[in-house]
Amino acid sequence: MAHSTPLGREVAVRTDAPRAPRSRGARGARWVGWLFVLPALVMYGIFVLVPLLMTVHYSTLRWNGVGPQRWNGLDNYLTVLTDPDLTAIILNSFKLVIFFSLIPVVLGLLVASVIRRVATGPLGAIARTVLFLPQVIPLVAAGIVWSWMLSSTGVVNQLLAAIGLGGLTRSWLADFGMALPAVGVIGAWVLLGLCTVLLLTGMSRIDVSLYEAARIDGATAWQEFRSITVPSLRAEIGVCVTVTIIAALAAFDIVYISTGGGPGLATMVPGLEIYRLAFAGRQVGLASALAVVLIVLVLIIVLPIQRLTRDERT
């Protein structure tokens, strides 16, 4: 490109000069960052990715865990998807989603809203601590205590008898119709505090002026909750739903301690059945296939929820 000088001469000006190469310092900083992340990536690969690939490999075998391995193709997956007992076990885990996910999230929203409005200062801190305690208590201990409470002579039946509802008393965890809901109640109790604390944290970042403007316009508490609180907590609700659904589909501790999967298969869940097949039944291939199917089901359910509840501001 030509450029005229004050003397009338034209001087060629080069406009296609190459960009300055990226400094060595920037490249070095990038590699330093990868070096900091590398130990975590190595541990993740060793303890997560490698076992996952081994599980997928085992799912194609007929193997008792000790003897020779025999190729079984997709027969194990066909058994998982067609065997009535195994499909009923998978269905049990979806039933638990109602108790482990729906109830804690809905109740957590209501409880968090009440705490934000009423329990402020030290009272609010005490309420959050009490609600979060089930997350601190080991699930084994919680399962044992709830087993005592729900037994035929437990606290629950004693309270029912005391208020004149003795006809409803039963051994809750040994009843074919009520065992699964009873386990679900235990799970809801464990996860309620986690959901409440997460949602309370999300409520703390909502602009107070939105509520003030709504009150000036004459909005009721329910209208504020429906139109301001819930839409503003979409990301937090997504986290709660994701965590609780995974807890329901991967349930093991509470079921193992409280019912052992009984009576019959009334409370048997995939996590416990995988353990039973692999270590008691010596059917490592079938157990691995059930584990892979469970992973796929979790991804099919969780990924759309993450997409739908993603915060638009992030």
Protein backbone atom coordinates (compact mmCIF):
# COMPACT_ATOMS: atom_id res chain seq x y z
CA MET A 1 0.00 0.00 0.00
CA ALA A 2 1.42 3.43 -1.00
CA HIS A 3 1.54 6.34 1.43
CA SER A 4 2.30 9.93 0.42
CA THR A 5 4.96 11.81 2.37
CA PRO A 6 4.94 15.57 2.95
CA LEU A 7 7.48 15.88 0.07
CA GLY A 8 5.15 14.21 -2.36
CA ARG A 9 7.02 10.95 -2.53
CA GLU A 10 5.21 7.69 -2.17
CA VAL A 11 6.51 5.20 0.28
CA ALA A 12 5.31 1.60 0.26
CA VAL A 13 3.92 0.53 3.61
CA ARG A 14 3.75 -3.18 4.33
CA THR A 15 0.37 -4.18 5.82
CA ASP A 16 0.76 -7.96 5.86
CA ALA A 17 3.43 -8.08 8.53
CA PRO A 18 3.34 -11.40 10.42
CA ARG A 19 1.93 -11.50 13.93
CA ALA A 20 4.36 -11.62 16.75
CA PRO A 21 4.86 -15.21 17.87
CA ARG A 22 3.40 -16.24 21.19
CA SER A 23 5.88 -15.62 23.93
CA ARG A 24 7.71 -18.50 25.49
CA GLY A 25 6.40 -17.38 28.87
CA ALA A 26 2.75 -17.97 27.83
CA ARG A 27 3.54 -21.43 26.51
CA GLY A 28 5.51 -22.23 29.65
CA ALA A 29 2.62 -21.11 31.87
CA ARG A 30 0.26 -23.40 29.98
CA TRP A 31 2.52 -26.40 30.49
CA VAL A 32 2.95 -25.54 34.15
CA GLY A 33 -0.85 -25.59 34.50
CA TRP A 34 -1.00 -29.05 32.95
CA LEU A 35 1.71 -30.23 35.32
CA PHE A 36 -0.41 -29.16 38.29
CA VAL A 37 -3.44 -31.01 36.90
CA LEU A 38 -1.46 -34.10 35.86
CA PRO A 39 -1.46 -35.90 39.27
CA ALA A 40 -5.26 -35.63 39.48
CA LEU A 41 -5.64 -36.84 35.89
CA VAL A 42 -3.37 -39.82 36.56
CA MET A 43 -5.30 -40.79 39.69
CA TYR A 44 -8.61 -40.36 37.86
CA GLY A 45 -7.39 -42.56 35.03
CA ILE A 46 -6.10 -45.28 37.36
CA PHE A 47 -9.05 -45.44 39.74
CA VAL A 48 -11.97 -44.47 37.45
CA LEU A 49 -11.27 -44.90 33.74
CA VAL A 50 -9.28 -48.14 33.94
CA PRO A 51 -11.86 -49.90 36.21
CA LEU A 52 -14.64 -48.63 33.92
CA LEU A 53 -12.96 -50.13 30.85
CA MET A 54 -12.33 -53.37 32.75
CA THR A 55 -16.00 -53.53 33.73
CA VAL A 56 -17.05 -53.13 30.11
CA HIS A 57 -14.63 -55.93 29.18
CA TYR A 58 -15.87 -58.24 31.93
CA SER A 59 -19.48 -57.62 30.85
CA THR A 60 -18.77 -59.53 27.63
CA LEU A 61 -17.45 -62.61 29.44
CA ARG A 62 -18.79 -65.65 31.22
CA TRP A 63 -16.50 -65.69 34.25
CA ASN A 64 -16.71 -66.67 37.90
CA GLY A 65 -13.86 -64.37 38.92
CA VAL A 66 -11.31 -67.17 39.37
CA GLY A 67 -11.44 -69.70 36.52
CA PRO A 68 -10.89 -69.25 32.78
CA GLN A 69 -12.70 -66.45 30.97
CA ARG A 70 -15.08 -67.30 28.14
CA TRP A 71 -16.36 -64.88 25.55
CA ASN A 72 -20.10 -64.34 25.96
CA GLY A 73 -20.77 -61.49 23.55
CA LEU A 74 -23.86 -59.46 24.41
CA ASP A 75 -25.68 -62.31 26.14
CA ASN A 76 -25.17 -60.75 29.57
CA TYR A 77 -26.82 -57.52 28.42
CA LEU A 78 -29.69 -59.49 26.92
CA THR A 79 -30.17 -61.23 30.25
CA VAL A 80 -30.19 -57.90 32.13
CA LEU A 81 -32.84 -56.45 29.81
CA THR A 82 -35.08 -59.53 29.62
CA ASP A 83 -34.84 -61.26 33.01
CA PRO A 84 -37.99 -60.37 35.03
CA ASP A 85 -36.14 -60.22 38.34
CA LEU A 86 -33.41 -57.92 37.02
CA THR A 87 -35.87 -55.59 35.31
CA ALA A 88 -37.91 -55.43 38.54
CA ILE A 89 -34.72 -54.56 40.44
CA ILE A 90 -33.97 -51.71 38.00
CA LEU A 91 -37.56 -50.52 38.36
CA ASN A 92 -37.13 -50.42 42.15
CA SER A 93 -34.33 -47.90 41.75
CA PHE A 94 -36.58 -45.67 39.63
CA LYS A 95 -39.26 -45.86 42.30
CA LEU A 96 -36.70 -44.68 44.83
CA VAL A 97 -36.10 -41.57 42.67
CA ILE A 98 -39.46 -40.26 43.90
CA PHE A 99 -38.30 -40.44 47.52
CA PHE A 100 -34.60 -39.68 47.06
CA SER A 101 -35.03 -36.83 44.56
CA LEU A 102 -38.53 -35.41 44.20
CA ILE A 103 -39.37 -35.17 47.91
CA PRO A 104 -36.02 -33.71 49.08
CA VAL A 105 -35.93 -31.11 46.29
CA VAL A 106 -39.54 -29.96 46.74
CA LEU A 107 -39.36 -29.95 50.53
CA GLY A 108 -35.90 -28.39 50.37
CA LEU A 109 -37.29 -25.47 48.34
CA LEU A 110 -40.08 -24.89 50.84
CA VAL A 111 -37.88 -25.28 53.93
CA ALA A 112 -35.15 -23.05 52.48
CA SER A 113 -37.73 -20.35 51.69
CA VAL A 114 -39.10 -20.48 55.23
CA ILE A 115 -35.61 -20.31 56.75
CA ARG A 116 -34.71 -17.34 54.53
CA ARG A 117 -37.84 -15.47 55.59
CA VAL A 118 -38.14 -16.41 59.25
CA ALA A 119 -34.97 -17.98 60.67
CA THR A 120 -32.28 -15.31 60.45
CA GLY A 121 -29.07 -14.92 62.41
CA PRO A 122 -28.17 -17.63 64.96
CA LEU A 123 -31.56 -19.32 64.53
CA GLY A 124 -30.92 -19.80 60.82
CA ALA A 125 -27.45 -21.24 61.48
CA ILE A 126 -28.91 -23.73 63.97
CA ALA A 127 -31.64 -24.75 61.50
CA ARG A 128 -29.09 -25.33 58.73
CA THR A 129 -26.86 -27.35 61.05
CA VAL A 130 -29.71 -29.59 62.24
CA LEU A 131 -30.90 -30.22 58.69
CA PHE A 132 -27.39 -30.99 57.45
CA LEU A 133 -26.59 -33.47 60.25
CA PRO A 134 -27.80 -36.55 58.26
CA GLN A 135 -25.02 -35.83 55.75
CA VAL A 136 -22.44 -36.03 58.55
CA ILE A 137 -23.82 -39.22 60.13
CA PRO A 138 -22.46 -42.40 58.46
CA LEU A 139 -25.16 -44.07 56.35
CA VAL A 140 -24.51 -47.38 58.08
CA ALA A 141 -25.33 -45.84 61.46
CA ALA A 142 -28.38 -44.08 60.00
CA GLY A 143 -29.62 -47.37 58.52
CA ILE A 144 -29.25 -49.19 61.84
CA VAL A 145 -31.09 -46.48 63.79
CA TRP A 146 -33.93 -46.31 61.27
CA SER A 147 -34.20 -50.10 61.33
CA TRP A 148 -34.83 -49.91 65.08
CA MET A 149 -37.33 -47.08 64.65
CA LEU A 150 -39.30 -48.89 61.92
CA SER A 151 -39.35 -52.31 63.59
CA SER A 152 -42.56 -53.83 64.95
CA THR A 153 -41.76 -52.47 68.43
CA GLY A 154 -40.02 -49.32 67.25
CA VAL A 155 -40.70 -45.66 67.93
CA VAL A 156 -42.85 -45.18 64.83
CA ASN A 157 -45.32 -47.90 65.82
CA GLN A 158 -45.35 -46.68 69.42
CA LEU A 159 -46.28 -43.17 68.27
CA LEU A 160 -49.02 -44.52 66.00
CA ALA A 161 -50.45 -46.57 68.85
CA ALA A 162 -50.26 -43.58 71.20
CA ILE A 163 -52.40 -41.39 68.92
CA GLY A 164 -54.98 -44.09 68.31
CA LEU A 165 -53.71 -45.41 64.98
CA GLY A 166 -52.67 -48.82 66.23
CA GLY A 167 -54.32 -50.47 63.23
CA LEU A 168 -51.61 -49.00 60.99
CA THR A 169 -48.71 -50.47 62.94
CA ARG A 170 -46.60 -53.08 61.22
CA SER A 171 -43.01 -54.14 60.71
CA TRP A 172 -42.40 -51.53 58.05
CA LEU A 173 -39.16 -52.90 56.63
CA ALA A 174 -40.49 -56.47 56.49
CA ASP A 175 -43.77 -55.62 54.76
CA PHE A 176 -43.77 -56.39 51.02
CA GLY A 177 -45.88 -53.33 50.20
CA MET A 178 -44.29 -50.81 52.56
CA ALA A 179 -40.60 -51.84 52.66
CA LEU A 180 -39.56 -49.84 49.59
CA PRO A 181 -41.40 -46.64 50.66
CA ALA A 182 -39.87 -47.04 54.13
CA VAL A 183 -36.39 -47.19 52.61
CA GLY A 184 -37.34 -44.19 50.49
CA VAL A 185 -38.25 -42.21 53.61
CA ILE A 186 -34.79 -42.91 55.03
CA GLY A 187 -33.19 -41.66 51.83
CA ALA A 188 -35.38 -38.55 51.77
CA TRP A 189 -34.35 -37.78 55.36
CA VAL A 190 -30.66 -38.13 54.46
CA LEU A 191 -30.82 -35.93 51.34
CA LEU A 192 -33.23 -33.23 52.56
CA GLY A 193 -30.52 -31.32 54.44
CA LEU A 194 -28.14 -31.32 51.49
CA CYS A 195 -30.79 -29.94 49.14
CA THR A 196 -31.90 -27.32 51.68
CA VAL A 197 -28.37 -26.00 52.25
CA LEU A 198 -27.61 -25.88 48.51
CA LEU A 199 -30.84 -24.03 47.79
CA LEU A 200 -30.31 -21.62 50.70
CA THR A 201 -26.90 -20.78 49.25
CA GLY A 202 -28.53 -20.07 45.91
CA MET A 203 -31.17 -17.87 47.51
CA SER A 204 -28.47 -15.72 49.11
CA ARG A 205 -27.39 -14.49 45.67
CA ILE A 206 -30.86 -13.43 44.51
CA ASP A 207 -31.14 -9.63 44.31
CA VAL A 208 -33.25 -8.42 47.24
CA SER A 209 -34.64 -5.58 45.13
CA LEU A 210 -36.62 -8.13 43.10
CA TYR A 211 -38.58 -9.11 46.21
CA GLU A 212 -39.02 -5.48 47.23
CA ALA A 213 -40.42 -4.60 43.82
CA ALA A 214 -42.77 -7.59 43.96
CA ARG A 215 -44.09 -6.53 47.38
CA ILE A 216 -44.69 -3.00 46.11
CA ASP A 217 -46.76 -4.51 43.29
CA GLY A 218 -48.78 -6.46 45.88
CA ALA A 219 -47.35 -9.93 45.24
CA THR A 220 -48.04 -12.62 47.82
CA ALA A 221 -45.37 -14.86 49.34
CA TRP A 222 -46.44 -17.70 47.03
CA GLN A 223 -46.21 -15.44 43.95
CA GLU A 224 -42.71 -14.35 45.00
CA PHE A 225 -41.69 -17.96 45.47
CA ARG A 226 -43.12 -19.06 42.12
CA SER A 227 -42.02 -16.11 39.99
CA ILE A 228 -38.70 -15.07 41.56
CA THR A 229 -37.23 -17.75 43.81
CA VAL A 230 -37.74 -20.88 41.71
CA PRO A 231 -36.63 -19.40 38.34
CA SER A 232 -33.53 -17.88 39.98
CA LEU A 233 -32.51 -21.26 41.41
CA ARG A 234 -32.50 -23.21 38.17
CA ALA A 235 -28.79 -24.09 38.39
CA GLU A 236 -29.01 -25.08 42.08
CA ILE A 237 -32.13 -27.17 41.45
CA GLY A 238 -30.26 -28.90 38.63
CA VAL A 239 -27.42 -29.80 40.99
CA CYS A 240 -29.84 -31.11 43.63
CA VAL A 241 -31.80 -33.19 41.13
CA THR A 242 -28.61 -34.61 39.61
CA VAL A 243 -27.06 -35.57 42.96
CA THR A 244 -30.25 -37.11 44.35
CA ILE A 245 -31.08 -39.09 41.20
CA ILE A 246 -27.58 -40.57 41.18
CA ALA A 247 -28.00 -41.40 44.88
CA ALA A 248 -31.28 -43.19 44.13
CA LEU A 249 -29.98 -45.20 41.18
CA ALA A 250 -26.74 -46.09 42.96
CA ALA A 251 -28.26 -46.75 46.40
CA PHE A 252 -26.46 -49.42 48.39
CA ASP A 253 -25.61 -48.57 52.03
CA ILE A 254 -29.08 -47.81 53.33
CA VAL A 255 -30.71 -50.76 51.56
CA TYR A 256 -27.96 -53.21 52.58
CA ILE A 257 -28.17 -52.24 56.26
CA SER A 258 -31.92 -51.77 56.65
CA THR A 259 -33.42 -54.60 54.56
CA GLY A 260 -30.65 -56.44 52.70
CA GLY A 261 -32.86 -56.20 49.60
CA GLY A 262 -35.78 -58.04 51.20
CA PRO A 263 -38.41 -59.09 51.81
CA GLY A 264 -37.95 -61.12 48.65
CA LEU A 265 -36.87 -58.62 46.01
CA ALA A 266 -39.10 -55.84 47.31
CA THR A 267 -36.21 -53.48 48.07
CA MET A 268 -33.45 -55.02 45.96
CA VAL A 269 -31.65 -52.33 43.94
CA PRO A 270 -29.03 -52.61 41.17
CA GLY A 271 -26.09 -51.65 43.41
CA LEU A 272 -26.88 -54.43 45.89
CA GLU A 273 -27.67 -56.94 43.13
CA ILE A 274 -24.31 -56.21 41.45
CA TYR A 275 -22.58 -56.99 44.73
CA ARG A 276 -24.61 -60.18 45.21
CA LEU A 277 -24.04 -61.44 41.66
CA ALA A 278 -20.30 -60.74 41.68
CA PHE A 279 -19.31 -61.95 45.16
CA ALA A 280 -22.03 -64.40 46.18
CA GLY A 281 -23.20 -65.74 42.82
CA ARG A 282 -19.77 -65.70 41.13
CA GLN A 283 -21.35 -64.21 37.99
CA VAL A 284 -18.85 -61.44 37.33
CA GLY A 285 -19.89 -60.99 33.69
CA LEU A 286 -23.58 -60.55 34.48
CA ALA A 287 -22.79 -58.22 37.39
CA SER A 288 -20.56 -56.10 35.14
CA ALA A 289 -23.26 -55.93 32.47
CA LEU A 290 -25.78 -54.73 35.06
CA ALA A 291 -23.25 -52.11 36.21
CA VAL A 292 -22.74 -50.86 32.65
CA VAL A 293 -26.51 -50.66 32.08
CA LEU A 294 -26.82 -48.68 35.32
CA ILE A 295 -24.12 -46.23 34.17
CA VAL A 296 -25.90 -45.75 30.84
CA LEU A 297 -29.24 -45.14 32.58
CA VAL A 298 -27.65 -42.54 34.87
CA LEU A 299 -26.15 -40.70 31.88
CA ILE A 300 -29.41 -40.84 29.90
CA ILE A 301 -31.28 -39.26 32.80
CA VAL A 302 -28.69 -36.83 34.16
CA LEU A 303 -27.29 -35.26 30.97
CA PRO A 304 -30.64 -33.82 29.75
CA ILE A 305 -31.34 -32.50 33.27
CA GLN A 306 -27.96 -30.75 33.29
CA ARG A 307 -28.71 -29.19 29.92
CA LEU A 308 -32.21 -28.04 30.87
CA THR A 309 -31.19 -26.55 34.22
CA ARG A 310 -27.96 -24.90 33.06
CA ASP A 311 -27.75 -21.28 34.22
CA GLU A 312 -27.97 -19.00 31.17
CA ARG A 313 -25.49 -16.60 32.75
CA THR A 314 -22.72 -19.21 32.76
